[in-house]
Amino acid sequence: FSNRRPGVRHSTFESLLLGRSSQSIASGFLRLWDSLNFKKDKEFVGISVFFFDEKVNFVIHGFTPVERANHYRPSLKEGSIVKVDHFEVARCSSMYMITDHPLLIHFISLTIIDEVITGAPEINLQSRLECSTIAK
């Protein structure tokens, strides 16, 4: 991204590396929902999210487990641009694959999510939000 803030380093989804690392992404935050285990009486197991990278036109699935859900929920605002630091990247199981992207961003105890107000990458979320609203 050419208009990122000085000192704010982030990668696109194309350059994500498997495993835990200090990499960062800046992306559009499209949607969140509670993930439930229907085999265990709809037990809450965490929060699932969609991140959008307009540069490579991809949506990627993110997940925070139940033990960190309350910590991260206030930082997750649909339609915002966020910078996410320190997370784990894993291959998405075909059983749980909900996007076309083969990887999953997993929030860990070190994960930091900040809304980017100034100097954010230019990401057109309006068309994505309209599409996801129509799909509901």
Protein backbone atom coordinates (compact mmCIF):
# COMPACT_ATOMS: atom_id res chain seq x y z
CA PHE A 1 0.00 0.00 0.00
CA SER A 2 1.45 3.31 -1.02
CA ASN A 3 -0.37 5.46 1.54
CA ARG A 4 0.40 3.59 4.74
CA ARG A 5 1.57 5.45 7.82
CA PRO A 6 5.32 5.69 8.34
CA GLY A 7 6.32 2.99 10.80
CA VAL A 8 3.19 0.90 10.20
CA ARG A 9 4.47 -2.19 8.45
CA HIS A 10 1.98 -4.71 7.20
CA SER A 11 1.70 -7.37 4.58
CA THR A 12 -0.97 -8.40 2.16
CA PHE A 13 -2.60 -11.80 2.42
CA GLU A 14 -0.27 -12.98 -0.37
CA SER A 15 2.73 -12.75 1.93
CA LEU A 16 1.29 -14.43 5.04
CA LEU A 17 3.55 -17.06 6.56
CA LEU A 18 2.37 -20.20 8.34
CA GLY A 19 2.90 -20.28 12.10
CA ARG A 20 3.13 -17.67 14.84
CA SER A 21 4.98 -14.53 13.95
CA SER A 22 5.27 -10.80 14.39
CA GLN A 23 3.82 -10.11 10.94
CA SER A 24 1.04 -7.56 10.53
CA ILE A 25 -1.83 -7.03 8.16
CA ALA A 26 -3.93 -3.97 7.48
CA SER A 27 -7.25 -4.84 5.95
CA GLY A 28 -10.91 -4.15 5.82
CA PHE A 29 -12.95 -5.76 8.53
CA LEU A 30 -16.14 -7.03 6.90
CA ARG A 31 -18.14 -9.09 9.35
CA LEU A 32 -18.10 -11.02 12.62
CA TRP A 33 -20.34 -13.66 14.15
CA ASP A 34 -20.39 -16.01 17.12
CA SER A 35 -19.19 -19.50 16.30
CA LEU A 36 -21.28 -22.21 17.93
CA ASN A 37 -20.76 -25.95 18.36
CA PHE A 38 -24.11 -27.43 17.34
CA LYS A 39 -23.06 -30.89 18.51
CA LYS A 40 -22.75 -29.54 22.06
CA ASP A 41 -26.07 -27.73 22.48
CA LYS A 42 -24.92 -24.63 20.54
CA GLU A 43 -21.98 -24.02 22.89
CA PHE A 44 -20.17 -20.73 22.14
CA VAL A 45 -16.64 -21.56 20.94
CA GLY A 46 -15.37 -18.17 19.74
CA ILE A 47 -15.76 -15.40 17.21
CA SER A 48 -15.30 -15.82 13.46
CA VAL A 49 -14.45 -12.82 11.30
CA PHE A 50 -13.91 -11.89 7.67
CA PHE A 51 -10.97 -9.68 6.68
CA PHE A 52 -10.76 -8.19 3.17
CA ASP A 53 -7.61 -7.28 1.25
CA GLU A 54 -8.62 -5.23 -1.79
CA LYS A 55 -5.10 -5.28 -3.23
CA VAL A 56 -5.33 -9.00 -3.91
CA ASN A 57 -9.15 -9.13 -3.88
CA PHE A 58 -9.36 -11.81 -1.17
CA VAL A 59 -11.43 -12.43 1.91
CA ILE A 60 -9.75 -14.41 4.66
CA HIS A 61 -11.29 -16.08 7.70
CA GLY A 62 -10.11 -15.09 11.16
CA PHE A 63 -10.96 -16.73 14.47
CA THR A 64 -10.57 -15.94 18.15
CA PRO A 65 -11.32 -18.70 20.66
CA VAL A 66 -13.83 -18.31 23.48
CA GLU A 67 -11.18 -17.49 26.10
CA ARG A 68 -10.15 -14.36 24.17
CA ALA A 69 -13.52 -13.41 22.65
CA ASN A 70 -14.49 -10.76 25.21
CA HIS A 71 -11.05 -9.15 24.97
CA TYR A 72 -11.19 -8.74 21.17
CA ARG A 73 -14.91 -8.14 20.57
CA PRO A 74 -14.73 -4.34 21.28
CA SER A 75 -11.98 -3.98 18.62
CA LEU A 76 -14.04 -5.68 15.92
CA LYS A 77 -16.16 -3.05 14.15
CA GLU A 78 -17.77 -4.09 10.88
CA GLY A 79 -16.80 -1.79 8.02
CA SER A 80 -13.63 -0.51 9.69
CA ILE A 81 -10.03 -0.68 8.52
CA VAL A 82 -7.90 -2.53 11.06
CA LYS A 83 -4.26 -3.32 11.64
CA VAL A 84 -3.71 -6.74 13.17
CA ASP A 85 -0.35 -7.62 14.72
CA HIS A 86 1.06 -10.87 16.13
CA PHE A 87 -1.18 -13.73 15.13
CA GLU A 88 -0.96 -17.33 14.03
CA VAL A 89 -1.53 -18.36 10.43
CA ALA A 90 -2.74 -21.91 9.80
CA ARG A 91 -4.05 -23.86 6.86
CA CYS A 92 -7.81 -23.84 6.81
CA SER A 93 -9.34 -27.29 7.13
CA SER A 94 -11.50 -28.13 4.13
CA MET A 95 -14.25 -29.09 6.59
CA TYR A 96 -14.35 -25.54 7.99
CA MET A 97 -13.32 -23.55 4.90
CA ILE A 98 -15.73 -20.62 4.57
CA THR A 99 -13.70 -18.48 2.14
CA ASP A 100 -11.68 -19.26 -0.96
CA HIS A 101 -8.46 -18.39 0.86
CA PRO A 102 -6.56 -21.49 2.04
CA LEU A 103 -5.26 -19.85 5.23
CA LEU A 104 -6.83 -18.85 8.55
CA ILE A 105 -5.77 -16.02 10.86
CA HIS A 106 -5.95 -17.25 14.45
CA PHE A 107 -5.87 -14.67 17.25
CA ILE A 108 -3.44 -15.58 20.03
CA SER A 109 -2.76 -13.94 23.39
CA LEU A 110 -0.22 -11.57 21.75
CA THR A 111 -2.61 -10.40 18.99
CA ILE A 112 -3.23 -6.66 18.83
CA ILE A 113 -6.09 -5.18 16.78
CA ASP A 114 -6.20 -1.45 16.16
CA GLU A 115 -8.62 0.51 14.03
CA VAL A 116 -6.66 2.60 11.53
CA ILE A 117 -8.11 6.11 11.41
CA THR A 118 -5.45 8.09 9.53
CA GLY A 119 -3.08 6.83 6.90
CA ALA A 120 -5.16 3.71 6.33
CA PRO A 121 -4.75 1.75 3.13
CA GLU A 122 -7.42 2.59 0.59
CA ILE A 123 -9.86 -0.29 0.80
CA ASN A 124 -13.30 -0.02 -0.77
CA LEU A 125 -15.51 -1.80 1.75
CA GLN A 126 -18.84 -0.38 0.60
CA SER A 127 -19.25 -2.77 -2.33
CA ARG A 128 -18.21 -5.75 -0.14
CA LEU A 129 -20.63 -4.77 2.62
CA GLU A 130 -23.46 -4.42 0.09
CA CYS A 131 -22.66 -7.85 -1.37
CA SER A 132 -22.52 -9.51 2.03
CA THR A 133 -25.81 -7.84 3.06
CA ILE A 134 -27.51 -9.10 -0.10
CA ALA A 135 -26.15 -12.61 0.55
CA LYS A 136 -27.84 -12.76 3.95
